[in-house]
């Protein structure tokens, strides 16, 4: 299993860079072929975001 090196943890509040909207991390997953983490947020469960699309509050 991959070491946990993701920036954000489940339940953490972050901002979407493009919109400035505050969202809550629901689930994170390592995308092996892209070698980075994707995140599903509580407010938009139908889509996902990569770490570079989010920032700490």
C-alpha atoms as a PDB file:
ATOM      1  CA  UNK A   1       0.000   0.000   0.000  1.00  0.00           C
ATOM      2  CA  UNK A   2       1.140   3.559  -0.739  1.00  0.00           C
ATOM      3  CA  UNK A   3       2.470   5.645   2.166  1.00  0.00           C
ATOM      4  CA  UNK A   4       0.085   8.354   3.280  1.00  0.00           C
ATOM      5  CA  UNK A   5       1.699  11.456   1.793  1.00  0.00           C
ATOM      6  CA  UNK A   6      -1.494  13.196   0.759  1.00  0.00           C
ATOM      7  CA  UNK A   7      -1.813  16.836   1.828  1.00  0.00           C
ATOM      8  CA  UNK A   8      -5.382  16.724   3.099  1.00  0.00           C
ATOM      9  CA  UNK A   9      -7.173  14.413   5.519  1.00  0.00           C
ATOM     10  CA  UNK A  10     -10.808  13.269   5.588  1.00  0.00           C
ATOM     11  CA  UNK A  11     -12.992  15.856   7.311  1.00  0.00           C
ATOM     12  CA  UNK A  12     -10.548  18.719   6.680  1.00  0.00           C
ATOM     13  CA  UNK A  13     -11.914  22.018   5.328  1.00  0.00           C
ATOM     14  CA  UNK A  14     -10.088  23.416   2.295  1.00  0.00           C
ATOM     15  CA  UNK A  15     -10.693  25.982  -0.441  1.00  0.00           C
ATOM     16  CA  UNK A  16     -11.173  25.246  -4.132  1.00  0.00           C
ATOM     17  CA  UNK A  17      -8.590  27.561  -5.734  1.00  0.00           C
ATOM     18  CA  UNK A  18     -10.653  28.406  -8.818  1.00  0.00           C
ATOM     19  CA  UNK A  19     -13.821  29.449  -6.969  1.00  0.00           C
ATOM     20  CA  UNK A  20     -12.638  30.167  -3.420  1.00  0.00           C
ATOM     21  CA  UNK A  21     -15.437  27.922  -2.119  1.00  0.00           C
ATOM     22  CA  UNK A  22     -14.843  26.247   1.245  1.00  0.00           C
ATOM     23  CA  UNK A  23     -15.392  22.480   1.032  1.00  0.00           C
ATOM     24  CA  UNK A  24     -14.866  19.441   3.268  1.00  0.00           C
ATOM     25  CA  UNK A  25     -12.754  16.470   2.177  1.00  0.00           C
ATOM     26  CA  UNK A  26     -14.947  13.375   2.097  1.00  0.00           C
ATOM     27  CA  UNK A  27     -12.533  10.827   0.608  1.00  0.00           C
ATOM     28  CA  UNK A  28      -9.018  10.721  -0.825  1.00  0.00           C
ATOM     29  CA  UNK A  29      -7.577   8.167  -3.205  1.00  0.00           C
ATOM     30  CA  UNK A  30      -4.148   7.655  -4.768  1.00  0.00           C
ATOM     31  CA  UNK A  31      -4.345   7.492  -8.576  1.00  0.00           C
ATOM     32  CA  UNK A  32      -1.454   5.172  -9.383  1.00  0.00           C
ATOM     33  CA  UNK A  33      -1.122   5.863 -13.117  1.00  0.00           C
ATOM     34  CA  UNK A  34      -1.128   9.652 -12.524  1.00  0.00           C
ATOM     35  CA  UNK A  35       1.031   9.373  -9.371  1.00  0.00           C
ATOM     36  CA  UNK A  36      -1.055  11.812  -7.348  1.00  0.00           C
ATOM     37  CA  UNK A  37      -4.032  11.995  -5.008  1.00  0.00           C
ATOM     38  CA  UNK A  38      -7.594  12.824  -5.955  1.00  0.00           C
ATOM     39  CA  UNK A  39     -10.195  14.078  -3.504  1.00  0.00           C
ATOM     40  CA  UNK A  40     -13.975  13.875  -3.354  1.00  0.00           C
ATOM     41  CA  UNK A  41     -15.558  16.689  -1.374  1.00  0.00           C
ATOM     42  CA  UNK A  42     -18.789  16.614   0.599  1.00  0.00           C
ATOM     43  CA  UNK A  43     -20.317  19.572  -1.255  1.00  0.00           C
ATOM     44  CA  UNK A  44     -19.671  18.135  -4.764  1.00  0.00           C
ATOM     45  CA  UNK A  45     -19.621  14.324  -4.450  1.00  0.00           C
ATOM     46  CA  UNK A  46     -20.170  13.849  -8.192  1.00  0.00           C
ATOM     47  CA  UNK A  47     -16.702  15.172  -9.102  1.00  0.00           C
ATOM     48  CA  UNK A  48     -13.127  14.986  -7.837  1.00  0.00           C
ATOM     49  CA  UNK A  49     -10.249  17.397  -7.384  1.00  0.00           C
ATOM     50  CA  UNK A  50      -6.478  16.973  -7.411  1.00  0.00           C
ATOM     51  CA  UNK A  51      -4.213  18.440  -4.708  1.00  0.00           C
ATOM     52  CA  UNK A  52      -3.118  21.317  -6.922  1.00  0.00           C
ATOM     53  CA  UNK A  53      -6.752  22.438  -7.279  1.00  0.00           C
ATOM     54  CA  UNK A  54      -7.183  22.825  -3.510  1.00  0.00           C
ATOM     55  CA  UNK A  55      -5.508  24.875  -0.780  1.00  0.00           C
ATOM     56  CA  UNK A  56      -5.598  25.106   3.017  1.00  0.00           C
ATOM     57  CA  UNK A  57      -7.989  27.582   4.541  1.00  0.00           C
END
